[in-house]
Structure formats: C-alpha cells, structure tokens
Amino acid sequence: MRTTARGEGRGESRGGARAQDGPARAGAGAALAGAALAALAGLAAAQAPPPQAPAPPPGAAPASGGGAVCGGGGEARVAAALGLPPGAALCGSGGVTCEPGCAEAAVAAARASPAACADVLGCVRRVELRPPAGGWAGEVPLGALASLTGLRALDLPCRRATGSLDALAGARGLTSLTLDAGGLSGSLEGLRGLTLLEELELSGLPQGAPGARDCAAGGGRAGGPPSAAWAWARRNPPDRGYSHRFDLSILGPGGGLAGDLAPLAALKQLRILRVEGTEVGGNLSAVASLPGLEELHVRDNCLGGGLGPLEGLSALREVTIPAKHPWLDLRPCNGSGGLDGGLGAVSGLGGLEVFDLSHNALEGDISAVENLTLLTDLALNENFIGGNISSVHNLSGLKFLGVGARMARRCRSPPSESGTW
C-alpha cells in the first residue's frame, strides 16, 4: 500500500505539476505575443510621419517659428510695395519700426491658440524710408498699405505714391504723412478722419521746378522757398517788355489730386501743411480752422480767392502760395487759379519769416508788409502790387526780395526811378 501510495503520490504530483505548467506556459506565450505586437507598433510609429498642427485660419500664412501671420501674405505684399528685399521681415527692416515686442507677442498668441493668427501688420508704427541713392525709387501703391492701421508716421520721399488717399483712412493714429503726390488720384477726402496729423506733405512738383524736392541730391528742397523761385526768376530774366522768357521744361501737368482743401479743416493739430503741384482748387477757407499752423505751402495748385482766411493765424512762420505759372492774360486752371485781393489780412502776422505770393493776381500796396520785421524771404513779384519800395526798408533781416510787377495788357507800367510802380 505504501508502494501504491507512493506511486499514486508521484502520479498525482507529476499530474499536478503538468496541470499547473499549462497555464504558466500559456501566460508566457501571451506575454511574448504582446511584446512582439508592441515592438511592431513602435516600429510603425517610428516610420509614420509626425503629426501635423491644425491648419491656420483661412487667409493666414505661416510665421517664422510657428504660429500664423494674418492677412494671407499681407506682410510680403507690404514689404514688396515698400521696396524691401524679398523674404525680409517687415518689422526690423530698414526704415520700418514696429511696436516693441508686439510682433513677438502676436506670434506667441497664435501658437497658443490654433484658431488665431498673428496680426504683425497691426504692429507697424513708423515707415520712414530714406531717399534712394542716385534719385527716384519706384512706385508705392497706397492700396498695399491699407492694412497698416497702427501707423503713426508714413514718410516716403522720392517714391511715387499711386492710388487714392482713401487707402490711409484707417490709420487714425497718423501724426506725420509725407508723400510724392504726382501719381495720386481722387481728392483729400481720405484724410478727413486723420485728426491727429501734425505734418502733412503732399507734393506733385516735377523735378527741377522751384521748391521741388531734389531727389538726386539727397531729397532736400533745393534752395528752399521762395529763394528757389527767385533763383528760377534769375535764370529767366525779363526782356525789354518786362515779360519773362519762361523755361517750360520745368513745368509738369500737376498731380492727379483734385477737389479742394475742405477735408483738412478738421485736422486741428496741423503744424505743417504742404500740398503742391496738384489740381486742388477752391480757396483757403479751410486753413482758418487750423490755429496752430506754422507752415503753409500750397504752391502751384488751382487755388483762388483772397488771403482773408490767414488773418489771425498768429503761429504762421512760412507762407508760400505761388500760383501755377507762366500765365499772362488767362489765369491757369481754366481761369480759376491765382489769388486776388489785397495784402491787408497778413499785415498783422508778425511772426512771418518766409512769404511768397508770386505769380498771382494780388493788388494793393506793399506797405501792408512793412511791419513784418522778421521776414527773411519776401516774393511778391508777378502781381499787381504797387507802392513805394521804401516800405520794406525796415525789414532788416531780408535776404531775398522779389517785387517785379506782372505785365499783362492791362498791367501797370514798369518801376520808375523813384522806386514806385
């Protein structure tokens, strides 16, 4: 019985061992299979392309370092319009100043929110490009700059601006605007809402004209007004009939800007106003609303009327309003151009230093300026102004004086030896 018992015990023991070994072997096989599947999954993951970020919103373009820049290539379009090198970042490029940290913050915000895009164009505050070396650069379509609504200054000398000033209507923070206006069209209406403007310069004068910007010599105004007009008169001396031999090569058709100055009446902060060489007409009434105006340069336009709106603008230091010329019997701009009336309205502007009203139809006596003792430049030539030249003897700082009379069929006689005309 012990043998049987031992045999049975061994059988039971072996059987029990085999019974227990079956589940263990099954578990080991499952573990091996699981490890193999995991290895295969890891290999597949390694070979799969990396996951892609969510697509940016429609109209957005990728930004450097992630995120997206709003505007569907708007940054590149603005950079191209300004003549920046291809691929150049707008912020930080020569002449373009952005709000410090604004572009970086905008891109960081776009990274954090896949549904957002970075408004880098809204970070641009100043565009102040130097005159190009050797003369004129290309054209700048203002329409391409319409998205720069955060601008504070836009200065594009010696670059032909094209399109309409309406493109800048959204830049309500502009304080300084300088453009070559020869290629502009439309009116000044787009500027009506830019009530923070302090300096406005829109010149359509052709190269070589008196007072035009000399782009071949760094972009300055050759000679400065009215000395430039006086230099022009010296290059074209009067003949025996006291009429000028005009150098027609310096004259251009004028810029495409038209309308009148009325939209500027709302720009109460203006200190410098320059609109030259255009077809802008009407009268000077809008400037009466600009109490802080220090410089008024509106030469070679189609302006008419009198000087009355200047009365009371005590901050004025420079006034240059030569009409388009040459003209004799027929006024320019189909007969509507040229100021008329007398000089009485300016007789109390004691701060005037530069005063150029040449080539108009003004009348009266030169004695109206005898108390403007700070004058350094005085040009009243080619008008119908008379009186005794001794009226300007107390203008001790005078450096330029132009008082030749206009000679039309109804004109006065040339100056006499007594000093009157």
Protein backbone atom coordinates (compact mmCIF):
# COMPACT_ATOMS: atom_id res chain seq x y z
CA MET A 1 0.00 0.00 0.00
CA ARG A 2 2.89 2.24 0.62
CA THR A 3 4.14 1.49 -2.89
CA THR A 4 0.81 2.21 -4.33
CA ALA A 5 0.54 5.26 -2.23
CA ARG A 6 3.96 6.43 -3.32
CA GLY A 7 3.14 5.74 -6.92
CA GLU A 8 -0.11 7.47 -6.66
CA GLY A 9 1.57 10.31 -4.85
CA ARG A 10 4.14 10.61 -7.62
CA GLY A 11 1.48 10.42 -10.25
CA GLU A 12 -0.57 12.99 -8.55
CA SER A 13 2.49 15.13 -8.10
CA ARG A 14 3.51 14.91 -11.76
CA GLY A 15 -0.03 15.37 -12.88
CA GLY A 16 -0.41 18.35 -10.64
CA ALA A 17 2.83 19.79 -11.97
CA ARG A 18 1.70 19.29 -15.55
CA ALA A 19 -1.64 20.83 -14.72
CA GLN A 20 0.00 23.85 -13.21
CA ASP A 21 2.58 24.16 -16.04
CA GLY A 22 -0.06 24.50 -18.74
CA PRO A 23 -1.39 27.91 -17.60
CA ALA A 24 2.15 29.18 -16.99
CA ARG A 25 3.20 28.29 -20.50
CA ALA A 26 0.09 29.92 -21.90
CA GLY A 27 0.81 33.12 -19.95
CA ALA A 28 4.39 33.20 -21.21
CA GLY A 29 3.21 32.82 -24.79
CA ALA A 30 0.76 35.64 -24.38
CA ALA A 31 3.48 37.85 -22.95
CA LEU A 32 5.76 37.10 -25.88
CA ALA A 33 2.98 37.85 -28.33
CA GLY A 34 2.19 41.10 -26.56
CA ALA A 35 5.85 42.15 -26.65
CA ALA A 36 6.02 41.40 -30.34
CA LEU A 37 2.92 43.43 -31.06
CA ALA A 38 4.30 46.33 -29.02
CA ALA A 39 7.55 46.19 -30.95
CA LEU A 40 5.70 46.21 -34.23
CA ALA A 41 3.57 49.16 -33.07
CA GLY A 42 6.69 51.09 -32.05
CA LEU A 43 8.29 50.40 -35.42
CA ALA A 44 5.17 51.62 -37.20
CA ALA A 45 5.09 54.75 -35.06
CA ALA A 46 8.72 55.48 -35.82
CA GLN A 47 8.11 55.12 -39.54
CA ALA A 48 4.90 57.23 -39.53
CA PRO A 49 5.16 60.99 -40.41
CA PRO A 50 4.97 63.37 -37.43
CA PRO A 51 1.51 64.72 -36.59
CA GLN A 52 0.62 68.00 -38.27
CA ALA A 53 -0.61 71.10 -36.45
CA PRO A 54 -4.16 72.20 -37.16
CA ALA A 55 -4.48 74.23 -40.34
CA PRO A 56 -4.35 78.02 -39.80
CA PRO A 57 -7.49 80.07 -40.39
CA PRO A 58 -8.35 80.91 -44.00
CA GLY A 59 -6.24 83.76 -45.28
CA ALA A 60 -3.37 83.18 -42.84
CA ALA A 61 0.24 82.43 -43.72
CA PRO A 62 2.84 80.58 -41.62
CA ALA A 63 5.03 82.71 -39.40
CA SER A 64 8.66 82.05 -38.60
CA GLY A 65 9.00 79.86 -35.51
CA GLY A 66 5.38 78.69 -35.59
CA GLY A 67 2.04 80.40 -35.37
CA ALA A 68 0.41 82.10 -38.32
CA VAL A 69 0.53 85.66 -39.62
CA CYS A 70 -2.85 87.12 -40.52
CA GLY A 71 -3.55 88.53 -43.92
CA GLY A 72 -2.82 85.82 -46.49
CA GLY A 73 0.65 87.11 -47.45
CA GLY A 74 -0.12 90.69 -46.47
CA GLU A 75 3.26 91.13 -44.80
CA ALA A 76 5.06 90.14 -48.00
CA ARG A 77 2.78 92.41 -50.05
CA VAL A 78 3.54 95.43 -47.85
CA ALA A 79 7.27 94.67 -47.88
CA ALA A 80 7.24 94.43 -51.68
CA ALA A 81 5.32 97.71 -52.00
CA LEU A 82 7.96 99.45 -49.86
CA GLY A 83 10.79 98.00 -51.96
CA LEU A 84 12.21 95.82 -49.18
CA PRO A 85 14.35 92.79 -50.17
CA PRO A 86 12.38 89.58 -50.92
CA GLY A 87 11.89 87.50 -47.80
CA ALA A 88 12.80 90.34 -45.44
CA ALA A 89 10.78 90.52 -42.24
CA LEU A 90 8.69 93.66 -42.17
CA CYS A 91 9.42 94.55 -38.56
CA GLY A 92 13.07 95.44 -38.14
CA SER A 93 13.75 96.20 -41.80
CA GLY A 94 15.43 99.49 -42.60
CA GLY A 95 13.01 102.34 -42.15
CA VAL A 96 10.19 100.22 -40.68
CA THR A 97 9.63 100.48 -36.94
CA CYS A 98 7.21 98.25 -35.04
CA GLU A 99 5.85 98.45 -31.52
CA PRO A 100 8.50 96.80 -29.29
CA GLY A 101 7.50 93.21 -28.51
CA CYS A 102 4.25 93.47 -30.45
CA ALA A 103 5.14 91.08 -33.29
CA GLU A 104 6.62 88.50 -30.91
CA ALA A 105 3.56 88.65 -28.66
CA ALA A 106 1.22 88.28 -31.62
CA VAL A 107 3.05 85.18 -32.90
CA ALA A 108 3.19 83.67 -29.38
CA ALA A 109 -0.55 84.14 -29.02
CA ALA A 110 -1.10 82.44 -32.37
CA ARG A 111 0.95 79.42 -31.20
CA ALA A 112 -1.19 79.09 -28.09
CA SER A 113 -4.46 79.17 -30.00
CA PRO A 114 -4.57 77.25 -33.30
CA ALA A 115 -7.67 79.18 -34.27
CA ALA A 116 -5.85 82.52 -34.00
CA CYS A 117 -3.36 84.23 -36.30
CA ALA A 118 -0.70 86.84 -35.57
CA ASP A 119 -1.56 90.39 -36.64
CA VAL A 120 2.00 91.54 -37.36
CA LEU A 121 0.81 94.29 -39.73
CA GLY A 122 -1.01 95.92 -36.84
CA CYS A 123 2.34 96.25 -35.04
CA VAL A 124 3.89 98.64 -37.62
CA ARG A 125 4.12 102.16 -36.20
CA ARG A 126 6.50 104.10 -38.47
CA VAL A 127 7.58 103.76 -42.10
CA GLU A 128 10.28 106.34 -42.78
CA LEU A 129 12.33 105.41 -45.84
CA ARG A 130 15.38 107.43 -46.82
CA PRO A 131 15.57 108.88 -50.34
CA PRO A 132 17.21 106.24 -52.54
CA ALA A 133 20.79 106.82 -53.59
CA GLY A 134 21.03 108.43 -57.01
CA GLY A 135 17.46 109.64 -57.43
CA TRP A 136 13.97 108.23 -57.59
CA ALA A 137 12.82 104.80 -56.47
CA GLY A 138 9.79 103.02 -57.87
CA GLU A 139 6.11 103.45 -57.21
CA VAL A 140 4.36 102.73 -53.91
CA PRO A 141 0.70 101.67 -54.32
CA LEU A 142 -1.10 103.04 -51.27
CA GLY A 143 -3.67 100.26 -51.52
CA ALA A 144 -0.99 97.78 -50.39
CA LEU A 145 -0.51 99.79 -47.17
CA ALA A 146 -4.19 99.94 -46.18
CA SER A 147 -3.71 97.21 -43.54
CA LEU A 148 -1.14 99.30 -41.63
CA THR A 149 -3.83 100.78 -39.41
CA GLY A 150 -1.46 101.30 -36.48
CA LEU A 151 0.79 103.73 -38.34
CA ARG A 152 2.00 106.87 -36.61
CA ALA A 153 4.28 108.13 -39.40
CA LEU A 154 4.50 107.44 -43.15
CA ASP A 155 7.38 109.17 -44.90
CA LEU A 156 8.15 108.04 -48.47
CA PRO A 157 10.28 110.74 -50.12
CA CYS A 158 11.29 110.34 -53.76
CA ARG A 159 8.91 107.42 -54.26
CA ARG A 160 5.89 107.95 -56.48
CA ALA A 161 2.77 107.18 -54.45
CA THR A 162 -0.11 105.86 -56.54
CA GLY A 163 -3.78 105.24 -55.91
CA SER A 164 -6.06 107.13 -53.58
CA LEU A 165 -5.54 108.67 -50.14
CA ASP A 166 -8.66 106.77 -49.10
CA ALA A 167 -6.35 103.79 -48.52
CA LEU A 168 -4.95 105.55 -45.45
CA ALA A 169 -8.31 106.39 -43.89
CA GLY A 170 -7.96 103.59 -41.33
CA ALA A 171 -4.65 104.88 -39.94
CA ARG A 172 -6.36 107.15 -37.42
CA GLY A 173 -3.19 107.49 -35.34
CA LEU A 174 -1.09 109.10 -38.09
CA THR A 175 0.75 112.22 -36.96
CA SER A 176 3.10 112.64 -39.95
CA LEU A 177 2.48 111.94 -43.66
CA THR A 178 4.92 112.74 -46.46
CA LEU A 179 4.22 111.51 -50.00
CA ASP A 180 5.13 112.37 -53.55
CA ALA A 181 1.66 113.17 -54.87
CA GLY A 182 2.40 113.12 -58.60
CA GLY A 183 0.76 109.72 -59.07
CA LEU A 184 -2.18 110.12 -56.71
CA SER A 185 -5.78 110.38 -57.86
CA GLY A 186 -9.02 111.44 -56.23
CA SER A 187 -9.23 114.09 -53.53
CA LEU A 188 -8.09 114.85 -49.99
CA GLU A 189 -11.26 113.35 -48.55
CA GLY A 190 -9.45 110.26 -47.24
CA LEU A 191 -7.56 112.46 -44.79
CA ARG A 192 -10.62 113.97 -43.11
CA GLY A 193 -10.59 111.49 -40.21
CA LEU A 194 -6.85 111.68 -39.51
CA THR A 195 -7.35 114.27 -36.81
CA LEU A 196 -4.01 113.63 -35.09
CA LEU A 197 -1.98 114.73 -38.11
CA GLU A 198 0.62 117.36 -37.29
CA GLU A 199 2.66 117.30 -40.50
CA LEU A 200 1.17 116.78 -43.96
CA GLU A 201 3.31 116.99 -47.09
CA LEU A 202 1.87 116.05 -50.49
CA SER A 203 3.95 117.39 -53.35
CA GLY A 204 3.38 116.76 -57.02
CA LEU A 205 6.00 119.26 -58.21
CA PRO A 206 8.15 117.93 -61.06
CA GLN A 207 11.88 117.66 -60.69
CA GLY A 208 13.57 120.99 -61.36
CA ALA A 209 10.55 123.13 -60.51
CA PRO A 210 11.02 125.84 -57.87
CA GLY A 211 10.68 124.34 -54.42
CA ALA A 212 10.64 120.72 -55.64
CA ARG A 213 12.47 118.02 -53.73
CA ASP A 214 15.89 117.35 -55.24
CA CYS A 215 16.00 113.56 -55.16
CA ALA A 216 19.34 113.35 -56.93
CA ALA A 217 20.94 115.31 -54.09
CA GLY A 218 19.57 113.52 -51.06
CA GLY A 219 15.92 114.54 -51.20
CA GLY A 220 16.18 118.07 -49.82
CA ARG A 221 14.38 121.04 -51.30
CA ALA A 222 16.88 122.89 -53.45
CA GLY A 223 17.27 126.45 -52.25
CA GLY A 224 14.08 126.40 -50.22
CA PRO A 225 11.13 128.65 -50.91
CA PRO A 226 10.96 131.35 -52.02
CA SER A 227 14.68 131.54 -52.77
CA ALA A 228 14.18 128.71 -55.26
CA ALA A 229 11.54 130.75 -57.07
CA TRP A 230 13.84 133.75 -57.01
CA ALA A 231 16.68 131.65 -58.44
CA TRP A 232 14.31 130.49 -61.18
CA ALA A 233 13.44 134.11 -61.96
CA ARG A 234 17.15 134.94 -62.22
CA ARG A 235 17.62 132.10 -64.71
CA ASN A 236 14.76 133.59 -66.74
CA PRO A 237 15.37 137.36 -66.68
CA PRO A 238 12.75 139.77 -68.06
CA ASP A 239 13.17 141.09 -71.56
CA ARG A 240 12.64 144.71 -72.63
CA GLY A 241 8.88 144.29 -72.43
CA TYR A 242 9.19 143.19 -68.80
CA SER A 243 7.76 139.78 -69.54
CA HIS A 244 9.59 136.61 -68.63
CA ARG A 245 11.16 134.17 -71.03
CA PHE A 246 9.76 131.07 -69.38
CA ASP A 247 11.65 127.80 -69.07
CA LEU A 248 8.80 125.47 -69.91
CA SER A 249 10.91 122.33 -69.39
CA ILE A 250 10.48 122.54 -65.61
CA LEU A 251 6.71 122.55 -65.70
CA GLY A 252 4.59 119.43 -65.33
CA PRO A 253 0.87 118.71 -65.65
CA GLY A 254 0.42 118.63 -61.87
CA GLY A 255 -0.61 115.69 -59.75
CA GLY A 256 -3.92 113.94 -60.19
CA LEU A 257 -5.21 115.16 -56.82
CA ALA A 258 -8.22 117.43 -57.25
CA GLY A 259 -11.11 118.74 -55.19
CA ASP A 260 -10.40 121.37 -52.53
CA LEU A 261 -8.80 121.84 -49.12
CA ALA A 262 -12.09 121.47 -47.20
CA PRO A 263 -11.34 117.97 -45.77
CA LEU A 264 -8.32 119.42 -43.97
CA ALA A 265 -10.40 121.79 -41.85
CA ALA A 266 -10.89 119.01 -39.28
CA LEU A 267 -7.14 118.48 -38.76
CA LYS A 268 -6.83 120.86 -35.84
CA GLN A 269 -3.37 119.59 -34.85
CA LEU A 270 -1.68 120.52 -38.14
CA ARG A 271 1.53 122.49 -37.80
CA ILE A 272 2.93 121.95 -41.31
CA LEU A 273 0.70 121.81 -44.39
CA ARG A 274 2.19 121.27 -47.83
CA VAL A 275 0.01 120.46 -50.86
CA GLU A 276 1.87 121.41 -54.04
CA GLY A 277 1.74 120.80 -57.77
CA THR A 278 -1.80 119.39 -57.89
CA GLU A 279 -5.17 120.34 -59.35
CA VAL A 280 -6.62 121.11 -55.91
CA GLY A 281 -8.75 124.24 -56.20
CA GLY A 282 -11.25 126.27 -54.24
CA ASN A 283 -9.97 128.78 -51.72
CA LEU A 284 -8.03 129.00 -48.45
CA SER A 285 -11.04 128.99 -46.11
CA ALA A 286 -10.17 125.56 -44.64
CA VAL A 287 -6.92 126.82 -43.12
CA ALA A 288 -8.79 129.33 -40.97
CA SER A 289 -9.68 126.35 -38.74
CA LEU A 290 -6.04 125.45 -38.07
CA PRO A 291 -4.94 127.70 -35.21
CA GLY A 292 -1.58 126.04 -34.66
CA LEU A 293 -0.44 126.18 -38.29
CA GLU A 294 3.21 127.22 -38.56
CA GLU A 295 3.95 126.49 -42.23
CA LEU A 296 1.58 126.76 -45.18
CA HIS A 297 2.95 125.67 -48.56
CA VAL A 298 0.25 125.37 -51.23
CA ARG A 299 2.02 126.48 -54.38
CA ASP A 300 1.26 125.51 -57.97
CA ASN A 301 -2.31 124.40 -57.37
CA CYS A 302 -5.59 125.82 -58.69
CA LEU A 303 -6.41 127.87 -55.61
CA GLY A 304 -8.21 131.19 -55.90
CA GLY A 305 -9.86 133.70 -53.63
CA GLY A 306 -8.17 136.03 -51.18
CA LEU A 307 -5.89 135.95 -48.15
CA GLY A 308 -8.66 136.60 -45.60
CA PRO A 309 -8.52 133.09 -44.04
CA LEU A 310 -4.92 133.71 -42.94
CA GLU A 311 -5.88 136.59 -40.69
CA GLY A 312 -5.47 135.57 -37.07
CA LEU A 313 -3.18 132.59 -37.71
CA SER A 314 -0.53 134.08 -35.47
CA ALA A 315 1.65 130.94 -35.36
CA LEU A 316 2.48 131.19 -39.09
CA ARG A 317 6.20 131.42 -39.86
CA GLU A 318 6.24 130.42 -43.54
CA VAL A 319 3.62 131.01 -46.25
CA THR A 320 4.33 130.07 -49.87
CA ILE A 321 1.41 130.27 -52.32
CA PRO A 322 2.80 130.98 -55.80
CA ALA A 323 0.20 130.20 -58.45
CA LYS A 324 0.85 127.97 -61.43
CA HIS A 325 2.92 129.83 -63.98
CA PRO A 326 3.62 131.08 -66.56
CA TRP A 327 0.41 132.94 -67.35
CA LEU A 328 -0.34 136.39 -68.68
CA ASP A 329 -3.89 137.26 -69.74
CA LEU A 330 -5.54 133.91 -68.94
CA ARG A 331 -5.29 132.54 -65.44
CA PRO A 332 -4.26 128.89 -65.01
CA CYS A 333 -6.72 126.08 -64.28
CA ASN A 334 -9.22 127.30 -66.88
CA GLY A 335 -9.25 130.76 -65.40
CA SER A 336 -9.88 129.79 -61.77
CA GLY A 337 -6.31 129.78 -60.45
CA GLY A 338 -4.48 132.62 -58.78
CA LEU A 339 -5.15 134.56 -55.59
CA ASP A 340 -6.63 138.04 -55.77
CA GLY A 341 -7.49 140.87 -53.43
CA GLY A 342 -5.10 142.76 -51.16
CA LEU A 343 -2.44 142.03 -48.55
CA GLY A 344 -4.26 143.52 -45.56
CA ALA A 345 -5.15 140.16 -43.99
CA VAL A 346 -1.49 139.30 -43.41
CA SER A 347 -0.32 142.67 -42.13
CA GLY A 348 -0.67 141.51 -38.52
CA LEU A 349 1.20 138.20 -38.86
CA GLY A 350 4.32 139.45 -37.13
CA GLY A 351 5.92 136.02 -36.87
CA LEU A 352 6.27 135.56 -40.64
CA GLU A 353 9.78 134.77 -41.83
CA VAL A 354 9.10 133.44 -45.34
CA PHE A 355 6.35 134.98 -47.51
CA ASP A 356 5.99 134.03 -51.19
CA LEU A 357 2.86 135.05 -53.10
CA SER A 358 4.45 135.36 -56.53
CA HIS A 359 2.59 134.73 -59.81
CA ASN A 360 -0.87 135.62 -58.51
CA ALA A 361 -3.28 138.47 -59.19
CA LEU A 362 -2.96 140.29 -55.88
CA GLU A 363 -3.40 144.03 -55.75
CA GLY A 364 -2.87 146.76 -53.20
CA ASP A 365 0.12 148.47 -51.59
CA ILE A 366 3.36 146.90 -50.50
CA SER A 367 3.19 148.91 -47.27
CA ALA A 368 0.98 146.13 -45.88
CA VAL A 369 4.12 144.11 -45.11
CA GLU A 370 6.20 146.90 -43.58
CA ASN A 371 5.60 145.66 -40.01
CA LEU A 372 6.58 142.05 -40.71
CA THR A 373 10.02 142.69 -39.31
CA LEU A 374 11.07 139.03 -39.03
CA LEU A 375 10.88 138.45 -42.80
CA THR A 376 13.95 136.94 -44.43
CA ASP A 377 12.31 135.98 -47.75
CA LEU A 378 9.70 138.12 -49.50
CA ALA A 379 8.43 137.39 -53.02
CA LEU A 380 5.53 139.43 -54.35
CA ASN A 381 6.70 139.50 -57.94
CA GLU A 382 4.30 138.96 -60.85
CA ASN A 383 1.29 140.52 -59.09
CA PHE A 384 -0.40 143.89 -59.40
CA ILE A 385 1.00 145.31 -56.17
CA GLY A 386 2.16 148.93 -56.12
CA GLY A 387 3.51 151.45 -53.66
CA ASN A 388 6.88 152.79 -52.59
CA ILE A 389 9.72 150.34 -52.19
CA SER A 390 10.90 152.28 -49.14
CA SER A 391 8.11 150.48 -47.24
CA VAL A 392 10.42 147.49 -46.82
CA HIS A 393 13.46 149.43 -45.64
CA ASN A 394 12.86 148.47 -42.02
CA LEU A 395 12.88 144.75 -42.85
CA SER A 396 16.50 144.49 -41.79
CA GLY A 397 16.68 140.70 -41.94
CA LEU A 398 15.56 140.46 -45.55
CA LYS A 399 17.75 138.22 -47.71
CA PHE A 400 15.50 137.64 -50.76
CA LEU A 401 13.21 140.25 -52.27
CA GLY A 402 11.07 139.86 -55.38
CA VAL A 403 8.76 142.72 -56.30
CA GLY A 404 8.62 142.80 -60.11
CA ALA A 405 5.16 143.69 -61.48
CA ARG A 406 3.05 141.39 -63.64
CA MET A 407 2.94 142.68 -67.21
CA ALA A 408 -0.32 141.87 -68.95
CA ARG A 409 -2.19 144.01 -71.43
CA ARG A 410 -3.92 145.78 -68.57
CA CYS A 411 -0.79 145.86 -66.43
CA ARG A 412 0.81 148.82 -64.74
CA SER A 413 3.92 150.43 -66.09
CA PRO A 414 7.35 149.12 -65.03
CA PRO A 415 9.01 150.51 -61.87
CA SER A 416 10.05 154.13 -62.12
CA GLU A 417 13.31 155.63 -61.00
CA SER A 418 11.58 157.00 -57.88
CA GLY A 419 11.08 153.50 -56.56
CA THR A 420 7.33 153.23 -57.11
CA TRP A 421 5.49 151.06 -59.61
